N, C-alpha and C. Protein backbone atom coordinates (compact mmCIF):
# COMPACT_ATOMS: atom_id res chain seq x y z
N UNK A 1 -17.42 -3.21 -33.84
CA UNK A 1 -17.72 -2.79 -32.38
C UNK A 1 -17.07 -3.78 -31.56
N UNK A 2 -16.40 -3.71 -30.14
CA UNK A 2 -15.75 -4.61 -29.49
C UNK A 2 -15.93 -4.82 -28.50
N UNK A 3 -16.53 -6.20 -27.86
CA UNK A 3 -17.15 -6.59 -26.85
C UNK A 3 -16.14 -6.84 -25.64
N UNK A 4 -16.00 -5.90 -25.22
CA UNK A 4 -14.89 -6.06 -23.85
C UNK A 4 -15.45 -6.42 -22.38
N UNK A 5 -15.05 -7.43 -21.89
CA UNK A 5 -15.37 -7.75 -20.51
C UNK A 5 -15.21 -6.95 -19.53
N UNK A 6 -15.95 -6.10 -19.00
CA UNK A 6 -16.18 -5.35 -17.34
C UNK A 6 -15.01 -5.49 -16.76
N UNK A 7 -14.08 -4.97 -16.45
CA UNK A 7 -12.95 -5.13 -15.58
C UNK A 7 -13.54 -3.92 -14.14
N UNK A 8 -13.05 -4.63 -12.98
CA UNK A 8 -13.76 -4.21 -11.93
C UNK A 8 -12.75 -2.82 -11.70
N UNK A 9 -11.46 -2.65 -12.17
CA UNK A 9 -10.86 -1.82 -11.67
C UNK A 9 -10.74 -0.48 -12.31
N UNK A 10 -11.17 -1.02 -13.95
CA UNK A 10 -12.11 0.05 -14.36
C UNK A 10 -12.89 1.07 -14.27
N UNK A 11 -13.71 0.22 -13.40
CA UNK A 11 -14.54 1.16 -12.76
C UNK A 11 -14.48 1.71 -12.01
N UNK A 12 -13.83 1.15 -10.65
CA UNK A 12 -13.15 1.25 -10.08
C UNK A 12 -12.50 3.17 -10.44
N UNK A 13 -11.83 3.17 -11.02
CA UNK A 13 -10.63 3.77 -11.44
C UNK A 13 -11.84 5.22 -11.95
N UNK A 14 -12.77 4.75 -12.52
CA UNK A 14 -13.59 5.63 -13.31
C UNK A 14 -14.50 6.57 -11.75
N UNK A 15 -14.60 5.75 -11.24
CA UNK A 15 -15.43 6.19 -9.57
C UNK A 15 -14.81 6.88 -8.52
N UNK A 16 -13.18 6.56 -8.96
CA UNK A 16 -12.27 6.84 -8.50
C UNK A 16 -11.73 8.88 -8.09
N UNK A 17 -12.01 8.77 -9.83
CA UNK A 17 -11.76 10.16 -10.32
C UNK A 17 -12.93 11.29 -10.28
N UNK A 18 -14.33 10.37 -10.20
CA UNK A 18 -15.43 10.95 -10.32
C UNK A 18 -15.65 11.76 -8.78
N UNK A 19 -14.94 11.06 -7.91
CA UNK A 19 -15.40 11.22 -6.22
C UNK A 19 -14.19 12.35 -6.10
N UNK A 20 -12.80 11.86 -6.39
CA UNK A 20 -11.66 13.26 -6.43
C UNK A 20 -12.21 14.57 -7.06
N UNK A 21 -13.15 14.54 -8.01
CA UNK A 21 -13.62 15.77 -8.92
C UNK A 21 -14.57 16.16 -8.22
N UNK A 22 -15.40 16.06 -7.36
CA UNK A 22 -16.46 16.13 -6.78
C UNK A 22 -15.81 17.21 -6.00
N UNK A 23 -15.05 16.16 -4.74
CA UNK A 23 -14.56 16.74 -4.05
C UNK A 23 -13.37 18.00 -4.38
N UNK A 24 -13.00 18.22 -5.71
CA UNK A 24 -12.35 19.19 -5.71
C UNK A 24 -10.54 19.39 -5.75
N UNK A 25 -10.45 18.48 -5.58
CA UNK A 25 -9.50 18.10 -5.18
C UNK A 25 -8.53 17.61 -6.77
N UNK A 26 -6.86 17.71 -6.74
CA UNK A 26 -6.31 17.04 -7.44
C UNK A 26 -5.59 16.25 -7.97
N UNK A 27 -5.00 14.99 -8.66
CA UNK A 27 -4.66 13.91 -8.52
C UNK A 27 -3.66 14.32 -7.63
N UNK A 28 -2.39 14.92 -7.48
CA UNK A 28 -1.50 15.34 -6.29
C UNK A 28 -2.11 15.68 -5.29
N UNK A 29 -3.07 16.72 -5.31
CA UNK A 29 -3.30 16.19 -3.65
C UNK A 29 -4.22 15.39 -2.89
N UNK A 30 -4.69 14.94 -3.66
CA UNK A 30 -5.65 13.39 -3.69
C UNK A 30 -3.90 12.37 -3.20
N UNK A 31 -3.66 12.35 -3.97
CA UNK A 31 -2.08 11.84 -3.99
C UNK A 31 -0.97 11.75 -2.77
N UNK A 32 -0.72 13.46 -1.94
CA UNK A 32 -0.42 13.77 -1.19
C UNK A 32 -1.24 12.89 0.40
N UNK A 33 -2.32 13.12 0.12
CA UNK A 33 -2.99 13.20 1.53
C UNK A 33 -3.63 11.58 1.84
N UNK A 34 -2.94 10.55 0.64
CA UNK A 34 -3.16 9.12 1.23
C UNK A 34 -1.93 8.08 1.18
N UNK A 35 -0.95 9.14 1.15
CA UNK A 35 0.75 8.66 1.12
C UNK A 35 0.88 7.99 -0.08
N UNK A 36 0.54 8.70 -1.52
CA UNK A 36 0.77 7.31 -2.97
C UNK A 36 1.22 8.68 -3.47
N UNK A 37 1.79 8.18 -4.55
CA UNK A 37 2.33 8.97 -5.53
C UNK A 37 1.31 8.89 -6.45
N UNK A 38 1.59 10.24 -7.17
CA UNK A 38 0.58 11.28 -7.97
C UNK A 38 0.71 10.05 -9.08
N UNK A 39 1.82 9.73 -9.80
CA UNK A 39 1.26 8.95 -11.20
C UNK A 39 1.03 7.10 -10.42
N UNK A 40 1.11 6.84 -9.81
CA UNK A 40 0.25 5.54 -9.15
C UNK A 40 -1.40 5.87 -9.23
N UNK A 41 -1.74 6.93 -8.50
CA UNK A 41 -3.19 6.74 -8.60
C UNK A 41 -3.85 7.49 -9.68
N UNK A 42 -3.01 8.08 -10.83
CA UNK A 42 -3.23 8.30 -11.82
C UNK A 42 -3.68 7.05 -12.64
N UNK A 43 -2.73 5.70 -12.14
CA UNK A 43 -2.59 4.72 -13.56
C UNK A 43 -4.34 4.05 -12.43
N UNK A 44 -4.63 4.44 -11.23
CA UNK A 44 -5.79 3.29 -10.35
C UNK A 44 -6.44 3.96 -11.61
N UNK A 45 -6.58 5.13 -11.47
CA UNK A 45 -7.81 6.15 -11.90
C UNK A 45 -8.02 5.52 -13.70
N UNK A 46 -6.97 5.18 -14.11
CA UNK A 46 -7.36 4.59 -15.33
C UNK A 46 -7.44 3.24 -15.74
N UNK A 47 -7.49 2.35 -14.81
CA UNK A 47 -7.71 0.88 -14.25
C UNK A 47 -6.64 0.03 -14.76
N UNK A 48 -5.25 0.99 -14.81
CA UNK A 48 -3.89 0.21 -15.30
C UNK A 48 -3.37 -0.82 -14.01
N UNK A 49 -4.23 -0.23 -12.67
CA UNK A 49 -2.98 -0.43 -11.73
C UNK A 49 -4.24 -1.43 -10.79
N UNK A 50 -4.40 -2.06 -10.02
CA UNK A 50 -4.74 -2.95 -9.39
C UNK A 50 -4.44 -2.06 -7.90
N UNK A 51 -5.43 -1.52 -6.95
CA UNK A 51 -4.96 -1.21 -5.65
C UNK A 51 -5.13 -1.99 -4.55
N UNK A 52 -4.03 -2.03 -3.89
CA UNK A 52 -4.20 -3.60 -2.36
C UNK A 52 -5.45 -2.61 -1.32
N UNK A 53 -5.49 -3.28 -0.64
CA UNK A 53 -6.78 -2.92 0.23
C UNK A 53 -6.28 -2.20 1.24
N UNK A 54 -5.08 -1.73 1.31
CA UNK A 54 -5.00 -0.54 2.41
C UNK A 54 -4.59 0.27 1.55
N UNK A 55 -4.30 0.38 0.15
CA UNK A 55 -4.99 1.49 -0.93
C UNK A 55 -5.75 2.24 -0.97
N UNK A 56 -7.22 1.13 -0.93
CA UNK A 56 -8.32 1.62 -0.83
C UNK A 56 -8.65 1.97 0.14
N UNK A 57 -8.54 1.85 1.22
CA UNK A 57 -8.62 2.41 2.79
C UNK A 57 -8.28 4.11 2.71
N UNK A 58 -6.65 3.88 2.14
CA UNK A 58 -6.89 5.27 2.29
C UNK A 58 -7.37 6.12 1.25
N UNK A 59 -7.69 6.01 0.31
CA UNK A 59 -8.52 6.53 -0.59
C UNK A 59 -9.72 6.82 -0.21
N UNK A 60 -10.38 6.09 0.57
CA UNK A 60 -11.48 6.20 1.10
C UNK A 60 -11.63 7.48 1.98
N UNK A 61 -10.46 7.52 3.00
CA UNK A 61 -10.49 8.21 3.57
C UNK A 61 -10.10 9.53 3.40
N UNK A 62 -9.33 9.67 2.41
CA UNK A 62 -8.77 10.76 1.61
C UNK A 62 -9.94 11.58 1.14
N UNK A 63 -11.24 10.54 0.24
CA UNK A 63 -12.32 10.93 -0.46
C UNK A 63 -13.59 11.06 0.64
N UNK A 64 -13.35 10.45 2.33
CA UNK A 64 -14.51 10.57 2.62
C UNK A 64 -15.36 9.89 2.28
N UNK A 65 -15.02 8.56 2.57
CA UNK A 65 -15.80 7.51 2.00
C UNK A 65 -15.86 6.35 2.40
N UNK A 66 -16.92 5.31 2.57
CA UNK A 66 -16.78 3.85 3.55
C UNK A 66 -15.53 3.38 3.08
N UNK A 67 -14.42 2.68 3.23
CA UNK A 67 -13.98 1.61 2.93
C UNK A 67 -14.63 1.15 1.80
N UNK A 68 -15.77 0.33 2.43
CA UNK A 68 -16.67 -0.46 1.97
C UNK A 68 -17.02 -0.16 0.46
N UNK A 69 -17.48 0.87 0.26
CA UNK A 69 -17.85 1.37 -1.04
C UNK A 69 -16.48 1.41 -1.44
N UNK A 70 -15.18 1.66 -1.86
CA UNK A 70 -14.72 1.40 -2.36
C UNK A 70 -14.10 -0.05 -2.51
N UNK A 71 -14.96 -1.00 -1.26
CA UNK A 71 -13.86 -2.35 -1.78
C UNK A 71 -15.29 -3.12 -2.85
N UNK A 72 -15.87 -2.60 -2.88
CA UNK A 72 -17.48 -2.84 -3.48
C UNK A 72 -17.46 -2.23 -4.82
N UNK A 73 -16.66 -1.33 -4.98
CA UNK A 73 -16.98 -0.78 -6.40
C UNK A 73 -15.66 -1.78 -7.26
N UNK A 74 -14.17 -2.41 -6.68
CA UNK A 74 -13.38 -2.60 -6.51
C UNK A 74 -13.72 -4.34 -7.15
N UNK A 75 -15.02 -4.92 -6.28
CA UNK A 75 -15.44 -6.05 -6.75
C UNK A 75 -14.69 -7.03 -5.64
N UNK A 76 -14.03 -6.43 -4.48
CA UNK A 76 -13.71 -7.20 -3.53
C UNK A 76 -14.89 -7.63 -2.29
N UNK A 77 -15.99 -6.70 -2.59
CA UNK A 77 -16.95 -6.67 -1.31
C UNK A 77 -18.36 -6.76 -1.86
N UNK A 78 -19.03 -7.86 -2.26
CA UNK A 78 -20.40 -8.13 -2.40
C UNK A 78 -20.96 -7.13 -1.83
N UNK A 79 -21.80 -6.29 -2.32
CA UNK A 79 -22.80 -5.31 -1.74
C UNK A 79 -23.81 -6.01 -1.14
N UNK A 80 -24.13 -7.36 -1.28
CA UNK A 80 -25.87 -7.96 -1.35
C UNK A 80 -25.08 -8.78 0.39
N UNK A 81 -23.71 -8.62 0.15
CA UNK A 81 -23.54 -9.51 1.72
C UNK A 81 -23.11 -8.20 2.49
N UNK A 82 -23.68 -7.17 2.91
CA UNK A 82 -22.88 -6.36 3.60
C UNK A 82 -23.45 -6.65 5.27
N UNK A 83 -24.20 -8.19 6.03
CA UNK A 83 -24.07 -8.40 7.43
C UNK A 83 -22.46 -8.60 7.10
N UNK A 84 -21.73 -9.28 6.33
CA UNK A 84 -20.40 -9.84 6.75
C UNK A 84 -19.61 -8.32 6.52
N UNK A 85 -19.96 -7.22 6.76
CA UNK A 85 -19.41 -5.84 6.34
C UNK A 85 -18.34 -5.80 7.51
N UNK A 86 -19.58 -5.60 8.82
CA UNK A 86 -19.00 -5.79 10.11
C UNK A 86 -17.23 -6.54 10.21
N UNK A 87 -17.28 -7.96 9.87
CA UNK A 87 -16.35 -8.75 10.09
C UNK A 87 -15.04 -8.80 9.27
N UNK A 88 -15.59 -7.98 7.39
CA UNK A 88 -14.74 -7.66 6.76
C UNK A 88 -13.19 -6.12 7.39
N UNK A 89 -14.59 -5.32 7.94
CA UNK A 89 -13.66 -3.77 8.16
C UNK A 89 -13.43 -3.97 9.57
N UNK A 90 -13.64 -5.12 10.81
CA UNK A 90 -12.79 -5.26 11.83
C UNK A 90 -11.69 -5.89 11.17
N UNK A 91 -11.11 -6.62 10.27
CA UNK A 91 -10.38 -7.29 9.69
C UNK A 91 -9.30 -6.32 9.00
N UNK A 92 -9.82 -5.40 8.15
CA UNK A 92 -9.36 -4.59 7.66
C UNK A 92 -8.40 -3.34 8.45
N UNK A 93 -9.14 -3.42 9.46
CA UNK A 93 -8.77 -1.72 10.84
C UNK A 93 -7.54 -2.51 11.52
N UNK A 94 -7.61 -3.62 11.45
CA UNK A 94 -6.45 -4.39 12.77
C UNK A 94 -5.35 -4.19 11.89
N UNK A 95 -4.32 -3.07 12.67
CA UNK A 95 -2.92 -2.39 12.40
C UNK A 95 -1.81 -3.84 13.12
N UNK A 96 -2.01 -5.40 13.32
CA UNK A 96 -1.26 -5.86 14.03
C UNK A 96 -1.35 -7.01 12.56
N UNK A 97 -2.11 -6.89 11.32
CA UNK A 97 -1.78 -7.46 10.50
C UNK A 97 -1.25 -7.16 9.53
N UNK A 98 -0.88 -7.43 8.46
CA UNK A 98 -0.33 -7.70 7.40
C UNK A 98 -1.29 -7.37 5.80
N UNK A 99 -1.24 -6.71 5.05
CA UNK A 99 -2.30 -6.61 3.84
C UNK A 99 -2.23 -8.14 3.54
N UNK A 100 -1.67 -9.33 3.35
CA UNK A 100 -1.35 -10.21 2.75
C UNK A 100 -2.10 -10.82 3.71
N UNK A 101 -1.99 -10.98 4.86
CA UNK A 101 -3.05 -11.58 5.87
C UNK A 101 -4.82 -10.83 5.96
N UNK A 102 -4.64 -9.89 6.19
CA UNK A 102 -5.99 -9.54 5.98
C UNK A 102 -6.42 -9.90 4.74
N UNK A 103 -6.40 -10.07 3.54
CA UNK A 103 -7.16 -10.82 2.66
C UNK A 103 -7.45 -12.43 2.74
N UNK A 104 -6.41 -13.01 3.30
CA UNK A 104 -6.64 -14.24 3.41
C UNK A 104 -7.21 -14.28 4.48
N UNK A 105 -7.51 -13.84 5.81
CA UNK A 105 -8.35 -13.97 6.54
C UNK A 105 -9.98 -13.72 6.07
N UNK A 106 -10.01 -12.82 5.15
CA UNK A 106 -11.50 -12.36 4.82
C UNK A 106 -11.87 -13.39 3.76
N UNK A 107 -11.16 -13.80 2.86
CA UNK A 107 -10.84 -15.19 2.07
C UNK A 107 -11.38 -16.19 2.47
N UNK A 108 -10.52 -16.59 4.00
CA UNK A 108 -11.27 -18.04 4.63
C UNK A 108 -12.55 -17.60 5.10
N UNK A 109 -12.66 -16.36 5.54
CA UNK A 109 -13.86 -16.02 6.28
C UNK A 109 -15.19 -16.06 5.13
N UNK A 110 -14.75 -16.15 3.51
CA UNK A 110 -15.81 -15.59 2.67
C UNK A 110 -16.01 -17.33 2.83
N UNK A 111 -15.19 -18.43 2.57
CA UNK A 111 -15.22 -19.44 2.16
C UNK A 111 -16.07 -20.07 3.29
N UNK A 112 -15.65 -19.73 4.19
CA UNK A 112 -16.59 -21.00 5.53
C UNK A 112 -18.39 -20.47 5.02
N UNK A 113 -18.04 -19.13 5.12
CA UNK A 113 -19.73 -18.85 4.40
C UNK A 113 -20.41 -19.14 3.93
N UNK A 114 -19.76 -19.57 2.39
CA UNK A 114 -19.98 -20.63 1.56
C UNK A 114 -20.12 -21.69 2.00
N UNK A 115 -19.67 -22.24 2.71
CA UNK A 115 -20.06 -23.81 2.77
C UNK A 115 -20.90 -24.21 3.85
N UNK A 116 -20.87 -23.16 4.95
CA UNK A 116 -22.36 -23.19 5.59
C UNK A 116 -23.51 -22.84 4.95
N UNK A 117 -23.45 -21.83 4.22
CA UNK A 117 -24.69 -21.65 3.49
C UNK A 117 -25.19 -22.85 2.78
N UNK A 118 -24.19 -23.61 1.99
CA UNK A 118 -24.02 -24.77 1.38
C UNK A 118 -24.77 -25.88 1.97
N UNK A 119 -24.53 -25.98 2.59
CA UNK A 119 -25.11 -26.78 3.83
C UNK A 119 -26.64 -27.04 4.55
């Protein structure tokens, strides 16, 4: 019996596959809707690739889910911190920021919150 540490991206992949199947979409159909290749989507579903926040947003839109749902599944967003979701959502939807800039802003926001909560 092996003791594997839970990988959030494996859980995300399983979640995405279930949601895709519930929506009666093939890998190719969802990949086309999201503007990604079907091999890449297949790798995400199998937990072999780590999707960016922008890809998660695109997948959420294609599956008609909230992006926050996928962020929580991926371990990016803590469901206990839902009051921060408005800030995170605003940053994630800003078309004038790059993916890296979005991630950095969210990381800084969370670190400021932690500092303030600790004091």
